[in-house]
PDB file of N, CA and C in Angstrom:
ATOM      1  N   UNK A   1      -1.460 -11.977  24.011  1.00  0.00           N
ATOM      2  CA  UNK A   1      -2.542 -11.582  23.147  1.00  0.00           C
ATOM      3  C   UNK A   1      -3.548 -10.681  23.852  1.00  0.00           C
ATOM      4  N   UNK A   2      -3.561 -10.663  25.135  1.00  0.00           N
ATOM      5  CA  UNK A   2      -4.530  -9.852  25.873  1.00  0.00           C
ATOM      6  C   UNK A   2      -4.319  -8.363  25.619  1.00  0.00           C
ATOM      7  N   UNK A   3      -3.084  -7.930  25.425  1.00  0.00           N
ATOM      8  CA  UNK A   3      -2.812  -6.516  25.176  1.00  0.00           C
ATOM      9  C   UNK A   3      -3.345  -6.097  23.813  1.00  0.00           C
ATOM     10  N   UNK A   4      -3.197  -6.958  22.839  1.00  0.00           N
ATOM     11  CA  UNK A   4      -3.719  -6.693  21.500  1.00  0.00           C
ATOM     12  C   UNK A   4      -5.244  -6.559  21.556  1.00  0.00           C
ATOM     13  N   UNK A   5      -5.883  -7.438  22.298  1.00  0.00           N
ATOM     14  CA  UNK A   5      -7.333  -7.400  22.436  1.00  0.00           C
ATOM     15  C   UNK A   5      -7.796  -6.153  23.190  1.00  0.00           C
ATOM     16  N   UNK A   6      -7.011  -5.706  24.152  1.00  0.00           N
ATOM     17  CA  UNK A   6      -7.329  -4.488  24.897  1.00  0.00           C
ATOM     18  C   UNK A   6      -7.395  -3.289  23.951  1.00  0.00           C
ATOM     19  N   UNK A   7      -6.381  -3.122  23.123  1.00  0.00           N
ATOM     20  CA  UNK A   7      -6.328  -2.001  22.184  1.00  0.00           C
ATOM     21  C   UNK A   7      -7.451  -2.116  21.156  1.00  0.00           C
ATOM     22  N   UNK A   8      -7.714  -3.323  20.688  1.00  0.00           N
ATOM     23  CA  UNK A   8      -8.777  -3.531  19.706  1.00  0.00           C
ATOM     24  C   UNK A   8     -10.145  -3.156  20.278  1.00  0.00           C
ATOM     25  N   UNK A   9     -10.403  -3.539  21.507  1.00  0.00           N
ATOM     26  CA  UNK A   9     -11.676  -3.231  22.154  1.00  0.00           C
ATOM     27  C   UNK A   9     -11.857  -1.729  22.348  1.00  0.00           C
ATOM     28  N   UNK A  10     -10.821  -1.056  22.804  1.00  0.00           N
ATOM     29  CA  UNK A  10     -10.888   0.393  23.001  1.00  0.00           C
ATOM     30  C   UNK A  10     -11.127   1.101  21.674  1.00  0.00           C
ATOM     31  N   UNK A  11     -10.369   0.716  20.652  1.00  0.00           N
ATOM     32  CA  UNK A  11     -10.491   1.361  19.344  1.00  0.00           C
ATOM     33  C   UNK A  11     -11.872   1.145  18.742  1.00  0.00           C
ATOM     34  N   UNK A  12     -12.407  -0.052  18.853  1.00  0.00           N
ATOM     35  CA  UNK A  12     -13.729  -0.341  18.298  1.00  0.00           C
ATOM     36  C   UNK A  12     -14.810   0.488  18.988  1.00  0.00           C
ATOM     37  N   UNK A  13     -14.625   0.776  20.258  1.00  0.00           N
ATOM     38  CA  UNK A  13     -15.596   1.595  20.984  1.00  0.00           C
ATOM     39  C   UNK A  13     -15.524   3.069  20.574  1.00  0.00           C
ATOM     40  N   UNK A  14     -14.393   3.509  20.072  1.00  0.00           N
ATOM     41  CA  UNK A  14     -14.198   4.915  19.727  1.00  0.00           C
ATOM     42  C   UNK A  14     -14.646   5.277  18.313  1.00  0.00           C
ATOM     43  N   UNK A  15     -14.537   4.360  17.383  1.00  0.00           N
ATOM     44  CA  UNK A  15     -14.726   4.684  15.963  1.00  0.00           C
ATOM     45  C   UNK A  15     -16.159   4.458  15.492  1.00  0.00           C
ATOM     46  N   UNK A  16     -16.478   5.037  14.323  1.00  0.00           N
ATOM     47  CA  UNK A  16     -17.788   4.839  13.710  1.00  0.00           C
ATOM     48  C   UNK A  16     -17.865   3.500  12.979  1.00  0.00           C
ATOM     49  N   UNK A  17     -16.733   3.007  12.466  1.00  0.00           N
ATOM     50  CA  UNK A  17     -16.679   1.751  11.718  1.00  0.00           C
ATOM     51  C   UNK A  17     -15.834   0.732  12.474  1.00  0.00           C
ATOM     52  N   UNK A  18     -16.429   0.009  13.433  1.00  0.00           N
ATOM     53  CA  UNK A  18     -15.647  -0.952  14.220  1.00  0.00           C
ATOM     54  C   UNK A  18     -15.059  -2.091  13.390  1.00  0.00           C
ATOM     55  N   UNK A  19     -15.670  -2.392  12.242  1.00  0.00           N
ATOM     56  CA  UNK A  19     -15.137  -3.455  11.385  1.00  0.00           C
ATOM     57  C   UNK A  19     -13.854  -3.025  10.683  1.00  0.00           C
ATOM     58  N   UNK A  20     -13.587  -1.731  10.628  1.00  0.00           N
ATOM     59  CA  UNK A  20     -12.386  -1.213   9.993  1.00  0.00           C
ATOM     60  C   UNK A  20     -11.169  -1.201  10.902  1.00  0.00           C
ATOM     61  N   UNK A  21     -11.334  -1.634  12.142  1.00  0.00           N
ATOM     62  CA  UNK A  21     -10.219  -1.648  13.097  1.00  0.00           C
ATOM     63  C   UNK A  21      -9.374  -2.901  12.864  1.00  0.00           C
ATOM     64  N   UNK A  22      -8.075  -2.677  12.708  1.00  0.00           N
ATOM     65  CA  UNK A  22      -7.140  -3.785  12.510  1.00  0.00           C
ATOM     66  C   UNK A  22      -5.967  -3.598  13.467  1.00  0.00           C
ATOM     67  N   UNK A  23      -5.699  -4.611  14.275  1.00  0.00           N
ATOM     68  CA  UNK A  23      -4.618  -4.547  15.255  1.00  0.00           C
ATOM     69  C   UNK A  23      -3.667  -5.710  15.011  1.00  0.00           C
ATOM     70  N   UNK A  24      -2.385  -5.405  14.871  1.00  0.00           N
ATOM     71  CA  UNK A  24      -1.372  -6.453  14.702  1.00  0.00           C
ATOM     72  C   UNK A  24      -0.287  -6.264  15.753  1.00  0.00           C
ATOM     73  N   UNK A  25       0.255  -7.380  16.206  1.00  0.00           N
ATOM     74  CA  UNK A  25       1.332  -7.344  17.200  1.00  0.00           C
ATOM     75  C   UNK A  25       2.596  -7.887  16.562  1.00  0.00           C
ATOM     76  N   UNK A  26       3.673  -7.121  16.662  1.00  0.00           N
ATOM     77  CA  UNK A  26       4.956  -7.492  16.077  1.00  0.00           C
ATOM     78  C   UNK A  26       5.956  -7.681  17.211  1.00  0.00           C
ATOM     79  N   UNK A  27       6.524  -8.863  17.289  1.00  0.00           N
ATOM     80  CA  UNK A  27       7.527  -9.151  18.318  1.00  0.00           C
ATOM     81  C   UNK A  27       8.870  -8.571  17.892  1.00  0.00           C
ATOM     82  N   UNK A  28       9.526  -7.876  18.796  1.00  0.00           N
ATOM     83  CA  UNK A  28      10.849  -7.304  18.557  1.00  0.00           C
ATOM     84  C   UNK A  28      11.803  -7.799  19.642  1.00  0.00           C
ATOM     85  N   UNK A  29      13.088  -7.469  19.505  1.00  0.00           N
ATOM     86  CA  UNK A  29      14.084  -7.879  20.492  1.00  0.00           C
ATOM     87  C   UNK A  29      13.811  -7.266  21.861  1.00  0.00           C
ATOM     88  N   UNK A  30      13.464  -5.992  21.887  1.00  0.00           N
ATOM     89  CA  UNK A  30      13.279  -5.258  23.135  1.00  0.00           C
ATOM     90  C   UNK A  30      11.856  -5.343  23.678  1.00  0.00           C
ATOM     91  N   UNK A  31      10.949  -5.967  22.941  1.00  0.00           N
ATOM     92  CA  UNK A  31       9.554  -6.071  23.371  1.00  0.00           C
ATOM     93  C   UNK A  31       8.649  -6.248  22.172  1.00  0.00           C
ATOM     94  N   UNK A  32       7.467  -5.697  22.239  1.00  0.00           N
ATOM     95  CA  UNK A  32       6.503  -5.816  21.142  1.00  0.00           C
ATOM     96  C   UNK A  32       6.027  -4.445  20.696  1.00  0.00           C
ATOM     97  N   UNK A  33       5.567  -4.397  19.458  1.00  0.00           N
ATOM     98  CA  UNK A  33       4.939  -3.203  18.915  1.00  0.00           C
ATOM     99  C   UNK A  33       3.534  -3.601  18.484  1.00  0.00           C
ATOM    100  N   UNK A  34       2.551  -2.854  18.944  1.00  0.00           N
ATOM    101  CA  UNK A  34       1.175  -3.082  18.526  1.00  0.00           C
ATOM    102  C   UNK A  34       0.821  -1.973  17.555  1.00  0.00           C
ATOM    103  N   UNK A  35       0.458  -2.386  16.329  1.00  0.00           N
ATOM    104  CA  UNK A  35       0.077  -1.430  15.298  1.00  0.00           C
ATOM    105  C   UNK A  35      -1.438  -1.383  15.200  1.00  0.00           C
ATOM    106  N   UNK A  36      -1.983  -0.183  15.224  1.00  0.00           N
ATOM    107  CA  UNK A  36      -3.427   0.024  15.138  1.00  0.00           C
ATOM    108  C   UNK A  36      -3.746   0.756  13.846  1.00  0.00           C
ATOM    109  N   UNK A  37      -4.626   0.146  13.052  1.00  0.00           N
ATOM    110  CA  UNK A  37      -5.096   0.765  11.814  1.00  0.00           C
ATOM    111  C   UNK A  37      -6.608   0.909  11.899  1.00  0.00           C
ATOM    112  N   UNK A  38      -7.100   2.072  11.508  1.00  0.00           N
ATOM    113  CA  UNK A  38      -8.545   2.328  11.462  1.00  0.00           C
ATOM    114  C   UNK A  38      -8.868   2.959  10.110  1.00  0.00           C
ATOM    115  N   UNK A  39     -10.164   3.075   9.809  1.00  0.00           N
ATOM    116  CA  UNK A  39     -10.595   3.720   8.570  1.00  0.00           C
ATOM    117  C   UNK A  39     -10.135   5.169   8.547  1.00  0.00           C
ATOM    118  N   UNK A  40      -9.936   5.710   7.339  1.00  0.00           N
ATOM    119  CA  UNK A  40      -9.438   7.087   7.184  1.00  0.00           C
ATOM    120  C   UNK A  40     -10.263   8.102   7.970  1.00  0.00           C
ATOM    121  N   UNK A  41     -11.573   7.967   7.948  1.00  0.00           N
ATOM    122  CA  UNK A  41     -12.437   8.923   8.624  1.00  0.00           C
ATOM    123  C   UNK A  41     -12.419   8.818  10.136  1.00  0.00           C
ATOM    124  N   UNK A  42     -11.880   7.726  10.666  1.00  0.00           N
ATOM    125  CA  UNK A  42     -11.878   7.496  12.109  1.00  0.00           C
ATOM    126  C   UNK A  42     -10.540   7.789  12.779  1.00  0.00           C
ATOM    127  N   UNK A  43      -9.530   8.146  12.005  1.00  0.00           N
ATOM    128  CA  UNK A  43      -8.200   8.350  12.579  1.00  0.00           C
ATOM    129  C   UNK A  43      -8.201   9.465  13.618  1.00  0.00           C
ATOM    130  N   UNK A  44      -8.988  10.508  13.386  1.00  0.00           N
ATOM    131  CA  UNK A  44      -9.056  11.621  14.338  1.00  0.00           C
ATOM    132  C   UNK A  44      -9.689  11.212  15.657  1.00  0.00           C
ATOM    133  N   UNK A  45     -10.618  10.289  15.611  1.00  0.00           N
ATOM    134  CA  UNK A  45     -11.280   9.827  16.831  1.00  0.00           C
ATOM    135  C   UNK A  45     -10.332   9.006  17.693  1.00  0.00           C
ATOM    136  N   UNK A  46      -9.431   8.276  17.052  1.00  0.00           N
ATOM    137  CA  UNK A  46      -8.477   7.454  17.792  1.00  0.00           C
ATOM    138  C   UNK A  46      -7.354   8.312  18.358  1.00  0.00           C
ATOM    139  N   UNK A  47      -6.946   9.333  17.622  1.00  0.00           N
ATOM    140  CA  UNK A  47      -5.875  10.203  18.094  1.00  0.00           C
ATOM    141  C   UNK A  47      -6.406  11.194  19.131  1.00  0.00           C
ATOM    142  N   UNK A  48      -7.568  11.781  18.876  1.00  0.00           N
ATOM    143  CA  UNK A  48      -8.172  12.703  19.830  1.00  0.00           C
ATOM    144  C   UNK A  48      -7.580  14.090  19.760  1.00  0.00           C
ATOM    145  N   UNK A  49      -8.199  14.996  20.488  1.00  0.00           N
ATOM    146  CA  UNK A  49      -7.749  16.389  20.510  1.00  0.00           C
ATOM    147  C   UNK A  49      -6.392  16.475  21.197  1.00  0.00           C
ATOM    148  N   UNK A  50      -5.446  17.077  20.495  1.00  0.00           N
ATOM    149  CA  UNK A  50      -4.061  17.203  20.977  1.00  0.00           C
ATOM    150  C   UNK A  50      -3.422  15.858  21.297  1.00  0.00           C
ATOM    151  N   UNK A  51      -3.946  14.765  20.722  1.00  0.00           N
ATOM    152  CA  UNK A  51      -3.366  13.441  20.933  1.00  0.00           C
ATOM    153  C   UNK A  51      -3.685  12.836  22.288  1.00  0.00           C
ATOM    154  N   UNK A  52      -4.665  13.382  22.974  1.00  0.00           N
ATOM    155  CA  UNK A  52      -4.978  12.914  24.332  1.00  0.00           C
ATOM    156  C   UNK A  52      -5.522  11.487  24.358  1.00  0.00           C
ATOM    157  N   UNK A  53      -6.370  11.151  23.396  1.00  0.00           N
ATOM    158  CA  UNK A  53      -6.939   9.800  23.373  1.00  0.00           C
ATOM    159  C   UNK A  53      -5.843   8.775  23.099  1.00  0.00           C
ATOM    160  N   UNK A  54      -4.982   9.065  22.136  1.00  0.00           N
ATOM    161  CA  UNK A  54      -3.876   8.161  21.826  1.00  0.00           C
ATOM    162  C   UNK A  54      -2.942   8.012  23.031  1.00  0.00           C
ATOM    163  N   UNK A  55      -2.660   9.106  23.703  1.00  0.00           N
ATOM    164  CA  UNK A  55      -1.791   9.052  24.881  1.00  0.00           C
ATOM    165  C   UNK A  55      -2.435   8.244  26.001  1.00  0.00           C
ATOM    166  N   UNK A  56      -3.736   8.366  26.160  1.00  0.00           N
ATOM    167  CA  UNK A  56      -4.443   7.582  27.180  1.00  0.00           C
ATOM    168  C   UNK A  56      -4.380   6.097  26.862  1.00  0.00           C
ATOM    169  N   UNK A  57      -4.526   5.758  25.588  1.00  0.00           N
ATOM    170  CA  UNK A  57      -4.416   4.348  25.185  1.00  0.00           C
ATOM    171  C   UNK A  57      -3.010   3.826  25.462  1.00  0.00           C
ATOM    172  N   UNK A  58      -2.007   4.644  25.193  1.00  0.00           N
ATOM    173  CA  UNK A  58      -0.619   4.239  25.460  1.00  0.00           C
ATOM    174  C   UNK A  58      -0.368   4.064  26.965  1.00  0.00           C
ATOM    175  N   UNK A  59      -0.971   4.918  27.771  1.00  0.00           N
ATOM    176  CA  UNK A  59      -0.831   4.815  29.222  1.00  0.00           C
ATOM    177  C   UNK A  59      -1.448   3.521  29.741  1.00  0.00           C
ATOM    178  N   UNK A  60      -2.656   3.210  29.270  1.00  0.00           N
ATOM    179  CA  UNK A  60      -3.296   1.954  29.664  1.00  0.00           C
ATOM    180  C   UNK A  60      -2.475   0.747  29.219  1.00  0.00           C
ATOM    181  N   UNK A  61      -1.947   0.807  28.008  1.00  0.00           N
ATOM    182  CA  UNK A  61      -1.128  -0.288  27.485  1.00  0.00           C
ATOM    183  C   UNK A  61       0.153  -0.451  28.299  1.00  0.00           C
ATOM    184  N   UNK A  62       0.772   0.653  28.677  1.00  0.00           N
ATOM    185  CA  UNK A  62       1.997   0.587  29.484  1.00  0.00           C
ATOM    186  C   UNK A  62       1.722  -0.016  30.853  1.00  0.00           C
ATOM    187  N   UNK A  63       0.606   0.367  31.458  1.00  0.00           N
ATOM    188  CA  UNK A  63       0.258  -0.178  32.770  1.00  0.00           C
ATOM    189  C   UNK A  63      -0.014  -1.675  32.688  1.00  0.00           C
ATOM    190  N   UNK A  64      -0.758  -2.090  31.667  1.00  0.00           N
ATOM    191  CA  UNK A  64      -1.078  -3.509  31.516  1.00  0.00           C
ATOM    192  C   UNK A  64       0.157  -4.328  31.170  1.00  0.00           C
ATOM    193  N   UNK A  65       1.038  -3.787  30.337  1.00  0.00           N
ATOM    194  CA  UNK A  65       2.230  -4.537  29.945  1.00  0.00           C
ATOM    195  C   UNK A  65       3.231  -4.631  31.091  1.00  0.00           C
ATOM    196  N   UNK A  66       3.305  -3.612  31.924  1.00  0.00           N
ATOM    197  CA  UNK A  66       4.194  -3.658  33.093  1.00  0.00           C
ATOM    198  C   UNK A  66       3.753  -4.753  34.047  1.00  0.00           C
ATOM    199  N   UNK A  67       2.455  -4.905  34.181  1.00  0.00           N
ATOM    200  CA  UNK A  67       1.923  -5.916  35.092  1.00  0.00           C
ATOM    201  C   UNK A  67       2.333  -7.333  34.668  1.00  0.00           C
ATOM    202  N   UNK A  68       2.420  -7.570  33.361  1.00  0.00           N
ATOM    203  CA  UNK A  68       2.822  -8.909  32.896  1.00  0.00           C
ATOM    204  C   UNK A  68       4.315  -8.991  32.592  1.00  0.00           C
ATOM    205  N   UNK A  69       5.041  -7.910  32.842  1.00  0.00           N
ATOM    206  CA  UNK A  69       6.495  -7.921  32.683  1.00  0.00           C
ATOM    207  C   UNK A  69       6.960  -7.877  31.241  1.00  0.00           C
ATOM    208  N   UNK A  70       6.258  -7.119  30.421  1.00  0.00           N
ATOM    209  CA  UNK A  70       6.585  -7.051  29.008  1.00  0.00           C
ATOM    210  C   UNK A  70       6.615  -5.592  28.577  1.00  0.00           C
ATOM    211  N   UNK A  71       7.476  -5.243  27.614  1.00  0.00           N
ATOM    212  CA  UNK A  71       7.522  -3.877  27.087  1.00  0.00           C
ATOM    213  C   UNK A  71       6.752  -3.852  25.766  1.00  0.00           C
ATOM    214  N   UNK A  72       5.788  -2.965  25.680  1.00  0.00           N
ATOM    215  CA  UNK A  72       4.946  -2.863  24.489  1.00  0.00           C
ATOM    216  C   UNK A  72       4.786  -1.400  24.105  1.00  0.00           C
ATOM    217  N   UNK A  73       4.858  -1.131  22.810  1.00  0.00           N
ATOM    218  CA  UNK A  73       4.691   0.228  22.279  1.00  0.00           C
ATOM    219  C   UNK A  73       3.512   0.226  21.304  1.00  0.00           C
ATOM    220  N   UNK A  74       2.706   1.286  21.312  1.00  0.00           N
ATOM    221  CA  UNK A  74       1.564   1.405  20.421  1.00  0.00           C
ATOM    222  C   UNK A  74       1.886   2.380  19.289  1.00  0.00           C
ATOM    223  N   UNK A  75       1.716   1.908  18.052  1.00  0.00           N
ATOM    224  CA  UNK A  75       1.846   2.749  16.871  1.00  0.00           C
ATOM    225  C   UNK A  75       0.482   2.841  16.202  1.00  0.00           C
ATOM    226  N   UNK A  76       0.049   4.061  15.929  1.00  0.00           N
ATOM    227  CA  UNK A  76      -1.192   4.270  15.188  1.00  0.00           C
ATOM    228  C   UNK A  76      -0.797   4.563  13.753  1.00  0.00           C
ATOM    229  N   UNK A  77      -1.153   3.655  12.858  1.00  0.00           N
ATOM    230  CA  UNK A  77      -0.737   3.719  11.462  1.00  0.00           C
ATOM    231  C   UNK A  77      -1.891   4.252  10.629  1.00  0.00           C
ATOM    232  N   UNK A  78      -1.596   5.220   9.780  1.00  0.00           N
ATOM    233  CA  UNK A  78      -2.646   5.744   8.901  1.00  0.00           C
ATOM    234  C   UNK A  78      -2.478   5.310   7.477  1.00  0.00           C
TER     235      UNK A  78
END
């Protein structure tokens, strides 16, 4: 659950409507998928210019998940 909370904390800090942030974790055979949903007006803030913010979040998630020996993928759902 710590990885889900990590993504939720980062997303809430980035958006204008922190209450609109919704993070769900789905267990799969090969690992987990963390789905991030934000308000329509905040999607650009989470993705960032040229996708840099989203890529940075994925990098942090990969580093944290490697440390605990788990494979996790981040999906930003609109």
